[in-house]
C-alpha cells in the first residue's frame, strides 16, 4: 500500500483524495492491499510456536483477534512487519509480499518438534480505516471473511482477510457496508497521504530489513516487553534499556516544493543527517509533509532541518 516512489502527491491529486481522507476521519475508508500476501499456520501448537517468532504477544489471543507485530532476526533487525489474524483452526499472517518467502523460510528453520505447519495462503487483504470500520468487518465476516480490530492510525481500523473462494463475496459485502456507513472505497494514494499525515511508517518505504524497531517507533505498537522469549528479544530489550538508537524516523513539514523520496536531509550547518523516506501534501492545504530517517541528535520536535534549499521543521519523532 505504498503511496509513491519519486515525489509527493500534487495539490490537485490531494484535492481528489480529500473525500477519501474525510471518510477515514469520520466514517470508513476501505483500501485493498495487493502489496500484502498471506501465510497460513495450522496445527495444535500454532499460537505457541508463532509466539516465539514474533515480537507481539499471542499467548492469550482468541479467534477474531488481530495483532500487529514484527518478525525480527537474531540480531534484532526487522525481517518483516506482520499482522496476525487468529481464526478458529488456523492463524493467518499478513505480510509484505516482497518478504513472504523469506519469512516463511525463516519460520520453517525453527519448526522442529511442534505440531504446526506454515504454507502460503491465497486470497485478498484489505485494511479499513476510520471509526466506522467495525461495521465493515462484521459484514466481511458474514460473507465468509476473517479479520480483527487493527488501528494503525488512531482513527479506528480493522484488517479483513478473504480466502480466494470467498473474496468476491467479501468485496461485495464490504462495498455495501462501507456505503451504509457513509464511507468510501479508497486507493493506495489515499492510504499514502493518510499514513504520512498520521506518521505511520511502512515497510519498504520508511524501514527495511536493516532497521531496528526503535528506529521507527514500532516498539510502542508492535513489541511486547512482558512476554516470554522470542527470536531477537535480547537485542531489542538491550536497545530499549540503553535508551536510544543511532537513527530515528521523524515527521517533518517542508516549506516550498515537495522533494523526491531519498532526498538528502541536512542540518543547519549543511551536514547530511538523513534522507526523506515518504512524502505527501498535507491534508487541508497545509503544505508538504514527509517522513525522514535522520540521526538521533537532530530528531527533536520543533527542530529545523534542510531538504535541498528548503526548511523542514520536525513535527514529531515517530
C-alpha atoms as a PDB file:
ATOM      1  CA  UNK A   1       0.000   0.000   0.000  1.00  0.00           C
ATOM      2  CA  UNK A   2       2.865   2.375  -0.626  1.00  0.00           C
ATOM      3  CA  UNK A   3       1.970   5.791  -1.931  1.00  0.00           C
ATOM      4  CA  UNK A   4       4.806   6.881  -4.161  1.00  0.00           C
ATOM      5  CA  UNK A   5       8.442   6.386  -5.016  1.00  0.00           C
ATOM      6  CA  UNK A   6       9.680   9.626  -6.519  1.00  0.00           C
ATOM      7  CA  UNK A   7       7.775  12.562  -5.084  1.00  0.00           C
ATOM      8  CA  UNK A   8       4.698  13.908  -3.382  1.00  0.00           C
ATOM      9  CA  UNK A   9       1.107  13.791  -4.454  1.00  0.00           C
ATOM     10  CA  UNK A  10       0.299  17.048  -6.175  1.00  0.00           C
ATOM     11  CA  UNK A  11      -2.150  19.589  -4.729  1.00  0.00           C
ATOM     12  CA  UNK A  12      -4.690  18.699  -7.418  1.00  0.00           C
ATOM     13  CA  UNK A  13      -4.395  14.981  -6.736  1.00  0.00           C
ATOM     14  CA  UNK A  14      -4.668  15.553  -2.992  1.00  0.00           C
ATOM     15  CA  UNK A  15      -7.836  17.531  -3.675  1.00  0.00           C
ATOM     16  CA  UNK A  16      -9.176  14.444  -5.419  1.00  0.00           C
ATOM     17  CA  UNK A  17      -8.209  12.410  -2.347  1.00  0.00           C
ATOM     18  CA  UNK A  18      -9.935  14.762   0.101  1.00  0.00           C
ATOM     19  CA  UNK A  19     -13.198  12.758   0.197  1.00  0.00           C
ATOM     20  CA  UNK A  20     -11.250   9.576   0.956  1.00  0.00           C
ATOM     21  CA  UNK A  21      -9.283  11.228   3.753  1.00  0.00           C
ATOM     22  CA  UNK A  22     -12.509  12.658   5.159  1.00  0.00           C
ATOM     23  CA  UNK A  23     -14.049   9.170   5.095  1.00  0.00           C
ATOM     24  CA  UNK A  24     -11.135   7.780   7.106  1.00  0.00           C
ATOM     25  CA  UNK A  25     -11.587  10.502   9.705  1.00  0.00           C
ATOM     26  CA  UNK A  26     -15.381  10.380  10.006  1.00  0.00           C
ATOM     27  CA  UNK A  27     -16.668   7.001   8.799  1.00  0.00           C
ATOM     28  CA  UNK A  28     -14.715   4.288   6.969  1.00  0.00           C
ATOM     29  CA  UNK A  29     -12.192   4.016   4.166  1.00  0.00           C
ATOM     30  CA  UNK A  30     -11.625   0.559   2.643  1.00  0.00           C
ATOM     31  CA  UNK A  31      -8.232   0.078   0.985  1.00  0.00           C
ATOM     32  CA  UNK A  32      -7.356  -3.186  -0.732  1.00  0.00           C
ATOM     33  CA  UNK A  33      -3.690  -4.130  -0.380  1.00  0.00           C
ATOM     34  CA  UNK A  34      -2.273  -6.194  -3.238  1.00  0.00           C
ATOM     35  CA  UNK A  35       1.176  -5.439  -1.792  1.00  0.00           C
ATOM     36  CA  UNK A  36       0.485  -7.903   1.033  1.00  0.00           C
ATOM     37  CA  UNK A  37       0.456 -11.682   0.920  1.00  0.00           C
ATOM     38  CA  UNK A  38      -0.559 -14.349   3.402  1.00  0.00           C
ATOM     39  CA  UNK A  39       0.996 -17.233   5.271  1.00  0.00           C
ATOM     40  CA  UNK A  40      -1.362 -19.685   6.966  1.00  0.00           C
ATOM     41  CA  UNK A  41      -0.316 -21.619  10.063  1.00  0.00           C
ATOM     42  CA  UNK A  42      -2.221 -24.698  11.237  1.00  0.00           C
ATOM     43  CA  UNK A  43      -1.688 -27.319  13.914  1.00  0.00           C
ATOM     44  CA  UNK A  44      -2.320 -27.557  17.643  1.00  0.00           C
ATOM     45  CA  UNK A  45       0.880 -25.653  18.511  1.00  0.00           C
ATOM     46  CA  UNK A  46       0.347 -22.829  16.028  1.00  0.00           C
ATOM     47  CA  UNK A  47      -0.026 -19.992  18.545  1.00  0.00           C
ATOM     48  CA  UNK A  48       2.674 -21.075  20.982  1.00  0.00           C
ATOM     49  CA  UNK A  49       5.111 -21.693  18.126  1.00  0.00           C
ATOM     50  CA  UNK A  50       4.427 -18.322  16.500  1.00  0.00           C
ATOM     51  CA  UNK A  51       4.653 -16.597  19.863  1.00  0.00           C
ATOM     52  CA  UNK A  52       8.336 -17.496  19.930  1.00  0.00           C
ATOM     53  CA  UNK A  53       8.932 -15.979  16.488  1.00  0.00           C
ATOM     54  CA  UNK A  54       7.209 -12.580  16.612  1.00  0.00           C
ATOM     55  CA  UNK A  55       7.509  -9.560  18.878  1.00  0.00           C
ATOM     56  CA  UNK A  56       3.813  -9.226  19.759  1.00  0.00           C
ATOM     57  CA  UNK A  57       2.012 -11.220  22.454  1.00  0.00           C
ATOM     58  CA  UNK A  58      -0.061 -14.104  21.079  1.00  0.00           C
ATOM     59  CA  UNK A  59      -0.404 -16.400  24.101  1.00  0.00           C
ATOM     60  CA  UNK A  60      -3.848 -15.198  25.175  1.00  0.00           C
ATOM     61  CA  UNK A  61      -5.282 -14.319  21.784  1.00  0.00           C
ATOM     62  CA  UNK A  62      -8.574 -15.827  20.676  1.00  0.00           C
ATOM     63  CA  UNK A  63     -10.364 -16.293  17.339  1.00  0.00           C
ATOM     64  CA  UNK A  64     -11.359 -12.948  15.921  1.00  0.00           C
ATOM     65  CA  UNK A  65      -8.308 -11.106  17.228  1.00  0.00           C
ATOM     66  CA  UNK A  66      -5.793  -9.295  15.051  1.00  0.00           C
ATOM     67  CA  UNK A  67      -2.381  -8.217  16.338  1.00  0.00           C
ATOM     68  CA  UNK A  68       0.322  -6.072  14.777  1.00  0.00           C
ATOM     69  CA  UNK A  69       3.882  -7.266  15.318  1.00  0.00           C
ATOM     70  CA  UNK A  70       7.272  -7.861  13.799  1.00  0.00           C
ATOM     71  CA  UNK A  71       9.354 -10.800  12.733  1.00  0.00           C
ATOM     72  CA  UNK A  72      12.964  -9.964  13.507  1.00  0.00           C
ATOM     73  CA  UNK A  73      16.315 -11.637  13.012  1.00  0.00           C
ATOM     74  CA  UNK A  74      18.507 -12.925  15.828  1.00  0.00           C
ATOM     75  CA  UNK A  75      20.290  -9.567  15.652  1.00  0.00           C
ATOM     76  CA  UNK A  76      17.013  -7.714  16.267  1.00  0.00           C
ATOM     77  CA  UNK A  77      16.593  -6.211  12.801  1.00  0.00           C
ATOM     78  CA  UNK A  78      13.165  -6.262  11.185  1.00  0.00           C
ATOM     79  CA  UNK A  79      12.631  -9.098   8.726  1.00  0.00           C
ATOM     80  CA  UNK A  80       9.010  -8.063   8.099  1.00  0.00           C
ATOM     81  CA  UNK A  81       6.121  -6.434   9.859  1.00  0.00           C
ATOM     82  CA  UNK A  82       3.202  -8.817  10.260  1.00  0.00           C
ATOM     83  CA  UNK A  83      -0.480  -8.695  11.071  1.00  0.00           C
ATOM     84  CA  UNK A  84      -1.502 -11.859  12.907  1.00  0.00           C
ATOM     85  CA  UNK A  85      -5.159 -12.803  12.379  1.00  0.00           C
ATOM     86  CA  UNK A  86      -6.351 -15.551  14.714  1.00  0.00           C
ATOM     87  CA  UNK A  87      -9.006 -17.918  13.372  1.00  0.00           C
ATOM     88  CA  UNK A  88     -10.804 -20.948  14.797  1.00  0.00           C
ATOM     89  CA  UNK A  89      -8.442 -23.538  13.299  1.00  0.00           C
ATOM     90  CA  UNK A  90      -5.650 -21.504  11.739  1.00  0.00           C
ATOM     91  CA  UNK A  91      -3.625 -18.337  12.089  1.00  0.00           C
ATOM     92  CA  UNK A  92      -3.073 -16.061   9.111  1.00  0.00           C
ATOM     93  CA  UNK A  93      -0.002 -13.869   8.849  1.00  0.00           C
ATOM     94  CA  UNK A  94      -0.471 -10.824   6.625  1.00  0.00           C
ATOM     95  CA  UNK A  95       2.988  -9.935   5.335  1.00  0.00           C
ATOM     96  CA  UNK A  96       4.515  -7.567   2.756  1.00  0.00           C
ATOM     97  CA  UNK A  97       4.535  -9.634  -0.436  1.00  0.00           C
ATOM     98  CA  UNK A  98       8.233  -8.951  -1.001  1.00  0.00           C
ATOM     99  CA  UNK A  99       9.053 -10.686   2.306  1.00  0.00           C
ATOM    100  CA  UNK A 100       6.686 -13.632   2.036  1.00  0.00           C
ATOM    101  CA  UNK A 101       9.090 -16.381   1.033  1.00  0.00           C
ATOM    102  CA  UNK A 102      11.949 -15.113   3.175  1.00  0.00           C
ATOM    103  CA  UNK A 103       9.706 -15.040   6.246  1.00  0.00           C
ATOM    104  CA  UNK A 104       8.319 -18.488   5.508  1.00  0.00           C
ATOM    105  CA  UNK A 105      11.833 -19.922   5.161  1.00  0.00           C
ATOM    106  CA  UNK A 106      12.927 -18.214   8.371  1.00  0.00           C
ATOM    107  CA  UNK A 107       9.976 -19.615  10.305  1.00  0.00           C
ATOM    108  CA  UNK A 108      10.483 -23.124   8.989  1.00  0.00           C
ATOM    109  CA  UNK A 109      14.043 -23.143  10.352  1.00  0.00           C
ATOM    110  CA  UNK A 110      12.549 -23.000  13.840  1.00  0.00           C
ATOM    111  CA  UNK A 111       9.871 -25.635  13.261  1.00  0.00           C
ATOM    112  CA  UNK A 112      11.309 -28.707  14.964  1.00  0.00           C
ATOM    113  CA  UNK A 113       9.006 -30.861  17.091  1.00  0.00           C
ATOM    114  CA  UNK A 114       5.982 -28.550  17.180  1.00  0.00           C
ATOM    115  CA  UNK A 115       2.624 -29.583  15.777  1.00  0.00           C
ATOM    116  CA  UNK A 116       2.428 -26.751  13.257  1.00  0.00           C
ATOM    117  CA  UNK A 117       2.632 -26.200   9.528  1.00  0.00           C
ATOM    118  CA  UNK A 118       3.137 -22.960   7.608  1.00  0.00           C
ATOM    119  CA  UNK A 119       2.038 -22.599   3.980  1.00  0.00           C
ATOM    120  CA  UNK A 120       1.370 -19.776   1.551  1.00  0.00           C
ATOM    121  CA  UNK A 121      -2.231 -18.592   1.509  1.00  0.00           C
ATOM    122  CA  UNK A 122      -4.288 -17.277  -1.395  1.00  0.00           C
ATOM    123  CA  UNK A 123      -6.825 -14.501  -1.185  1.00  0.00           C
ATOM    124  CA  UNK A 124      -7.186 -10.759  -0.654  1.00  0.00           C
ATOM    125  CA  UNK A 125      -6.226  -8.423   2.139  1.00  0.00           C
ATOM    126  CA  UNK A 126      -7.963  -5.127   2.877  1.00  0.00           C
ATOM    127  CA  UNK A 127      -7.427  -2.545   5.589  1.00  0.00           C
ATOM    128  CA  UNK A 128     -10.303  -0.375   6.747  1.00  0.00           C
ATOM    129  CA  UNK A 129      -9.560   2.938   8.446  1.00  0.00           C
ATOM    130  CA  UNK A 130     -11.933   5.079  10.481  1.00  0.00           C
ATOM    131  CA  UNK A 131     -14.473   4.939  13.328  1.00  0.00           C
ATOM    132  CA  UNK A 132     -16.977   3.010  11.205  1.00  0.00           C
ATOM    133  CA  UNK A 133     -14.546   0.211  10.335  1.00  0.00           C
ATOM    134  CA  UNK A 134     -16.072  -2.362  12.700  1.00  0.00           C
ATOM    135  CA  UNK A 135     -19.346  -2.452  10.744  1.00  0.00           C
ATOM    136  CA  UNK A 136     -17.373  -3.274   7.593  1.00  0.00           C
ATOM    137  CA  UNK A 137     -15.574  -6.089   9.421  1.00  0.00           C
ATOM    138  CA  UNK A 138     -18.904  -7.531  10.589  1.00  0.00           C
ATOM    139  CA  UNK A 139     -20.195  -7.579   7.014  1.00  0.00           C
ATOM    140  CA  UNK A 140     -16.990  -9.189   5.758  1.00  0.00           C
ATOM    141  CA  UNK A 141     -17.216 -11.927   8.378  1.00  0.00           C
ATOM    142  CA  UNK A 142     -20.849 -12.616   7.451  1.00  0.00           C
ATOM    143  CA  UNK A 143     -19.712 -13.161   3.857  1.00  0.00           C
ATOM    144  CA  UNK A 144     -17.015 -15.648   4.849  1.00  0.00           C
ATOM    145  CA  UNK A 145     -14.061 -13.366   5.540  1.00  0.00           C
ATOM    146  CA  UNK A 146     -11.951 -13.153   8.680  1.00  0.00           C
ATOM    147  CA  UNK A 147     -10.122 -10.335  10.394  1.00  0.00           C
ATOM    148  CA  UNK A 148      -9.994  -8.249  13.528  1.00  0.00           C
ATOM    149  CA  UNK A 149      -9.524  -4.823  15.013  1.00  0.00           C
ATOM    150  CA  UNK A 150      -6.293  -3.161  13.885  1.00  0.00           C
ATOM    151  CA  UNK A 151      -5.898   0.573  14.451  1.00  0.00           C
ATOM    152  CA  UNK A 152      -2.638   1.822  12.936  1.00  0.00           C
ATOM    153  CA  UNK A 153      -3.686   5.471  12.543  1.00  0.00           C
ATOM    154  CA  UNK A 154      -5.502   6.324  15.778  1.00  0.00           C
ATOM    155  CA  UNK A 155      -8.729   6.844  13.836  1.00  0.00           C
ATOM    156  CA  UNK A 156     -10.018   3.298  14.308  1.00  0.00           C
ATOM    157  CA  UNK A 157      -9.499   0.408  11.933  1.00  0.00           C
ATOM    158  CA  UNK A 158      -9.683  -3.272  11.056  1.00  0.00           C
ATOM    159  CA  UNK A 159      -7.976  -5.783   8.786  1.00  0.00           C
ATOM    160  CA  UNK A 160     -10.041  -8.093   6.550  1.00  0.00           C
ATOM    161  CA  UNK A 161      -8.689 -11.333   5.080  1.00  0.00           C
ATOM    162  CA  UNK A 162     -10.703 -13.158   2.425  1.00  0.00           C
ATOM    163  CA  UNK A 163      -9.764 -16.575   1.034  1.00  0.00           C
ATOM    164  CA  UNK A 164      -9.742 -16.789  -2.744  1.00  0.00           C
ATOM    165  CA  UNK A 165     -13.015 -18.751  -2.853  1.00  0.00           C
ATOM    166  CA  UNK A 166     -14.961 -16.068  -0.946  1.00  0.00           C
ATOM    167  CA  UNK A 167     -13.001 -12.958  -1.960  1.00  0.00           C
ATOM    168  CA  UNK A 168     -15.586 -11.651  -4.430  1.00  0.00           C
ATOM    169  CA  UNK A 169     -18.452 -12.136  -1.983  1.00  0.00           C
ATOM    170  CA  UNK A 170     -16.487 -10.396   0.773  1.00  0.00           C
ATOM    171  CA  UNK A 171     -15.738  -7.454  -1.524  1.00  0.00           C
ATOM    172  CA  UNK A 172     -19.436  -7.060  -2.324  1.00  0.00           C
ATOM    173  CA  UNK A 173     -20.351  -7.212   1.369  1.00  0.00           C
ATOM    174  CA  UNK A 174     -17.716  -4.634   2.302  1.00  0.00           C
ATOM    175  CA  UNK A 175     -18.826  -2.340  -0.512  1.00  0.00           C
ATOM    176  CA  UNK A 176     -22.373  -2.326   0.815  1.00  0.00           C
ATOM    177  CA  UNK A 177     -21.274  -1.904   4.427  1.00  0.00           C
ATOM    178  CA  UNK A 178     -18.927   0.995   3.755  1.00  0.00           C
ATOM    179  CA  UNK A 179     -21.624   2.722   1.725  1.00  0.00           C
ATOM    180  CA  UNK A 180     -24.107   2.298   4.580  1.00  0.00           C
ATOM    181  CA  UNK A 181     -21.518   3.753   6.961  1.00  0.00           C
ATOM    182  CA  UNK A 182     -21.157   6.812   4.753  1.00  0.00           C
ATOM    183  CA  UNK A 183     -17.626   5.829   3.807  1.00  0.00           C
ATOM    184  CA  UNK A 184     -15.716   5.139   0.611  1.00  0.00           C
ATOM    185  CA  UNK A 185     -13.507   2.590  -1.084  1.00  0.00           C
ATOM    186  CA  UNK A 186     -10.069   4.147  -1.332  1.00  0.00           C
ATOM    187  CA  UNK A 187      -6.768   3.534  -3.061  1.00  0.00           C
ATOM    188  CA  UNK A 188      -3.058   3.401  -2.353  1.00  0.00           C
ATOM    189  CA  UNK A 189      -2.579   7.124  -2.858  1.00  0.00           C
ATOM    190  CA  UNK A 190      -5.158   7.909  -0.197  1.00  0.00           C
ATOM    191  CA  UNK A 191      -3.521   5.467   2.214  1.00  0.00           C
ATOM    192  CA  UNK A 192      -0.140   7.054   1.500  1.00  0.00           C
ATOM    193  CA  UNK A 193      -1.413  10.538   2.274  1.00  0.00           C
ATOM    194  CA  UNK A 194      -3.205   9.270   5.383  1.00  0.00           C
ATOM    195  CA  UNK A 195      -0.248   7.390   6.820  1.00  0.00           C
ATOM    196  CA  UNK A 196       2.221  10.241   6.282  1.00  0.00           C
ATOM    197  CA  UNK A 197      -0.218  12.642   7.946  1.00  0.00           C
ATOM    198  CA  UNK A 198      -0.638  10.211  10.857  1.00  0.00           C
ATOM    199  CA  UNK A 199       3.108   9.371  10.968  1.00  0.00           C
ATOM    200  CA  UNK A 200       2.659   5.660  10.261  1.00  0.00           C
ATOM    201  CA  UNK A 201       5.830   4.029   8.897  1.00  0.00           C
ATOM    202  CA  UNK A 202       5.624   1.447   6.122  1.00  0.00           C
ATOM    203  CA  UNK A 203       7.905  -1.467   5.317  1.00  0.00           C
ATOM    204  CA  UNK A 204       9.797  -0.948   2.081  1.00  0.00           C
ATOM    205  CA  UNK A 205       9.485   2.819   2.258  1.00  0.00           C
ATOM    206  CA  UNK A 206      10.373   4.033   5.746  1.00  0.00           C
ATOM    207  CA  UNK A 207      12.046   0.909   7.077  1.00  0.00           C
ATOM    208  CA  UNK A 208      13.662  -2.223   5.699  1.00  0.00           C
ATOM    209  CA  UNK A 209      15.386  -5.385   6.837  1.00  0.00           C
ATOM    210  CA  UNK A 210      18.295  -3.193   8.005  1.00  0.00           C
ATOM    211  CA  UNK A 211      16.113  -1.375  10.581  1.00  0.00           C
ATOM    212  CA  UNK A 212      15.681  -1.867  14.322  1.00  0.00           C
ATOM    213  CA  UNK A 213      12.126  -1.476  15.720  1.00  0.00           C
ATOM    214  CA  UNK A 214      13.130   1.501  17.897  1.00  0.00           C
ATOM    215  CA  UNK A 215      14.393   3.435  14.869  1.00  0.00           C
ATOM    216  CA  UNK A 216      10.838   3.734  13.549  1.00  0.00           C
ATOM    217  CA  UNK A 217       8.960   3.806  16.854  1.00  0.00           C
ATOM    218  CA  UNK A 218       7.484   0.337  16.416  1.00  0.00           C
ATOM    219  CA  UNK A 219       8.490  -0.753  19.905  1.00  0.00           C
ATOM    220  CA  UNK A 220       5.407   1.195  21.064  1.00  0.00           C
ATOM    221  CA  UNK A 221       2.869  -0.626  18.893  1.00  0.00           C
ATOM    222  CA  UNK A 222       4.419  -3.914  17.769  1.00  0.00           C
ATOM    223  CA  UNK A 223       6.639  -5.171  20.605  1.00  0.00           C
ATOM    224  CA  UNK A 224       5.702  -6.784  23.924  1.00  0.00           C
ATOM    225  CA  UNK A 225       8.289  -6.348  26.666  1.00  0.00           C
ATOM    226  CA  UNK A 226       6.405  -8.607  29.087  1.00  0.00           C
ATOM    227  CA  UNK A 227       6.039 -11.791  27.027  1.00  0.00           C
ATOM    228  CA  UNK A 228       8.318 -14.803  27.139  1.00  0.00           C
ATOM    229  CA  UNK A 229      11.337 -15.375  24.936  1.00  0.00           C
ATOM    230  CA  UNK A 230      11.206 -14.812  21.195  1.00  0.00           C
ATOM    231  CA  UNK A 231      13.704 -14.639  18.370  1.00  0.00           C
ATOM    232  CA  UNK A 232      15.730 -11.421  18.589  1.00  0.00           C
ATOM    233  CA  UNK A 233      14.380 -10.456  22.019  1.00  0.00           C
ATOM    234  CA  UNK A 234      17.770  -9.963  23.660  1.00  0.00           C
ATOM    235  CA  UNK A 235      18.894  -7.291  21.199  1.00  0.00           C
ATOM    236  CA  UNK A 236      15.547  -5.455  21.193  1.00  0.00           C
ATOM    237  CA  UNK A 237      15.416  -5.387  25.003  1.00  0.00           C
ATOM    238  CA  UNK A 238      19.029  -4.207  25.182  1.00  0.00           C
ATOM    239  CA  UNK A 239      18.247  -1.329  22.825  1.00  0.00           C
ATOM    240  CA  UNK A 240      15.232  -0.411  24.930  1.00  0.00           C
ATOM    241  CA  UNK A 241      17.184  -0.433  28.177  1.00  0.00           C
ATOM    242  CA  UNK A 242      20.046   1.532  26.633  1.00  0.00           C
ATOM    243  CA  UNK A 243      17.530   4.204  25.764  1.00  0.00           C
ATOM    244  CA  UNK A 244      18.464   5.161  22.225  1.00  0.00           C
ATOM    245  CA  UNK A 245      19.390   4.081  18.720  1.00  0.00           C
ATOM    246  CA  UNK A 246      21.568   5.950  16.245  1.00  0.00           C
ATOM    247  CA  UNK A 247      18.730   6.922  13.890  1.00  0.00           C
ATOM    248  CA  UNK A 248      15.084   7.903  14.287  1.00  0.00           C
ATOM    249  CA  UNK A 249      12.193   8.370  11.901  1.00  0.00           C
ATOM    250  CA  UNK A 250      10.657  11.838  12.107  1.00  0.00           C
ATOM    251  CA  UNK A 251       7.674  13.585  10.578  1.00  0.00           C
ATOM    252  CA  UNK A 252       8.508  16.960   9.015  1.00  0.00           C
ATOM    253  CA  UNK A 253       6.678  19.867   7.425  1.00  0.00           C
ATOM    254  CA  UNK A 254       8.627  21.163   4.439  1.00  0.00           C
ATOM    255  CA  UNK A 255       8.388  24.681   3.067  1.00  0.00           C
ATOM    256  CA  UNK A 256       8.252  25.026  -0.710  1.00  0.00           C
ATOM    257  CA  UNK A 257       8.175  22.240  -3.294  1.00  0.00           C
ATOM    258  CA  UNK A 258       7.868  18.574  -2.405  1.00  0.00           C
ATOM    259  CA  UNK A 259      11.168  16.699  -2.508  1.00  0.00           C
ATOM    260  CA  UNK A 260      11.680  13.292  -4.047  1.00  0.00           C
ATOM    261  CA  UNK A 261      11.853  10.228  -1.852  1.00  0.00           C
ATOM    262  CA  UNK A 262      15.525   9.723  -0.985  1.00  0.00           C
ATOM    263  CA  UNK A 263      16.263  13.456  -0.911  1.00  0.00           C
ATOM    264  CA  UNK A 264      19.098  14.403   1.433  1.00  0.00           C
ATOM    265  CA  UNK A 265      18.220  15.920   4.812  1.00  0.00           C
ATOM    266  CA  UNK A 266      20.847  18.253   6.269  1.00  0.00           C
ATOM    267  CA  UNK A 267      21.286  20.210   9.493  1.00  0.00           C
ATOM    268  CA  UNK A 268      21.714  23.990   9.716  1.00  0.00           C
ATOM    269  CA  UNK A 269      25.440  23.651   9.001  1.00  0.00           C
ATOM    270  CA  UNK A 270      24.761  21.740   5.797  1.00  0.00           C
ATOM    271  CA  UNK A 271      25.926  18.382   7.145  1.00  0.00           C
ATOM    272  CA  UNK A 272      23.981  15.401   5.831  1.00  0.00           C
ATOM    273  CA  UNK A 273      21.953  13.850   8.656  1.00  0.00           C
ATOM    274  CA  UNK A 274      19.491  11.589   6.832  1.00  0.00           C
ATOM    275  CA  UNK A 275      17.099  11.165   3.938  1.00  0.00           C
ATOM    276  CA  UNK A 276      13.425  11.533   3.079  1.00  0.00           C
ATOM    277  CA  UNK A 277      11.539   8.223   3.049  1.00  0.00           C
ATOM    278  CA  UNK A 278       7.919   9.226   2.261  1.00  0.00           C
ATOM    279  CA  UNK A 279       6.278  12.432   1.007  1.00  0.00           C
ATOM    280  CA  UNK A 280       2.732  13.770   0.742  1.00  0.00           C
ATOM    281  CA  UNK A 281       0.874  17.028   0.560  1.00  0.00           C
ATOM    282  CA  UNK A 282      -0.646  17.809   3.964  1.00  0.00           C
ATOM    283  CA  UNK A 283      -4.445  17.458   4.153  1.00  0.00           C
ATOM    284  CA  UNK A 284      -6.276  20.776   4.276  1.00  0.00           C
ATOM    285  CA  UNK A 285      -3.687  22.687   2.274  1.00  0.00           C
ATOM    286  CA  UNK A 286      -1.036  22.644   4.985  1.00  0.00           C
ATOM    287  CA  UNK A 287       1.945  22.318   2.668  1.00  0.00           C
ATOM    288  CA  UNK A 288       4.229  19.309   2.291  1.00  0.00           C
ATOM    289  CA  UNK A 289       4.606  16.560   4.875  1.00  0.00           C
ATOM    290  CA  UNK A 290       7.382  13.996   4.868  1.00  0.00           C
ATOM    291  CA  UNK A 291       8.798  11.165   6.892  1.00  0.00           C
ATOM    292  CA  UNK A 292      12.577  11.029   7.096  1.00  0.00           C
ATOM    293  CA  UNK A 293      15.177   8.818   8.735  1.00  0.00           C
ATOM    294  CA  UNK A 294      17.696  11.082  10.470  1.00  0.00           C
ATOM    295  CA  UNK A 295      20.496  10.871  13.008  1.00  0.00           C
ATOM    296  CA  UNK A 296      19.209  10.741  16.565  1.00  0.00           C
ATOM    297  CA  UNK A 297      20.767  14.022  17.812  1.00  0.00           C
ATOM    298  CA  UNK A 298      18.696  16.056  15.317  1.00  0.00           C
ATOM    299  CA  UNK A 299      15.460  14.133  15.920  1.00  0.00           C
ATOM    300  CA  UNK A 300      13.881  16.765  18.149  1.00  0.00           C
ATOM    301  CA  UNK A 301      10.339  18.127  17.903  1.00  0.00           C
ATOM    302  CA  UNK A 302      10.494  21.755  16.789  1.00  0.00           C
ATOM    303  CA  UNK A 303      13.968  21.394  15.326  1.00  0.00           C
ATOM    304  CA  UNK A 304      14.731  22.848  11.895  1.00  0.00           C
ATOM    305  CA  UNK A 305      16.471  20.859   9.182  1.00  0.00           C
ATOM    306  CA  UNK A 306      17.048  21.428   5.478  1.00  0.00           C
ATOM    307  CA  UNK A 307      15.920  19.480   2.428  1.00  0.00           C
ATOM    308  CA  UNK A 308      17.685  20.989  -0.524  1.00  0.00           C
ATOM    309  CA  UNK A 309      17.210  24.737  -0.210  1.00  0.00           C
ATOM    310  CA  UNK A 310      14.011  24.485   1.795  1.00  0.00           C
ATOM    311  CA  UNK A 311      13.387  24.461   5.538  1.00  0.00           C
ATOM    312  CA  UNK A 312      11.949  21.351   7.177  1.00  0.00           C
ATOM    313  CA  UNK A 313      10.508  21.576  10.679  1.00  0.00           C
ATOM    314  CA  UNK A 314      10.317  18.416  12.780  1.00  0.00           C
ATOM    315  CA  UNK A 315       6.697  17.892  13.871  1.00  0.00           C
ATOM    316  CA  UNK A 316       7.055  14.508  15.589  1.00  0.00           C
ATOM    317  CA  UNK A 317       9.543  11.802  16.384  1.00  0.00           C
ATOM    318  CA  UNK A 318       7.773   8.618  15.315  1.00  0.00           C
END
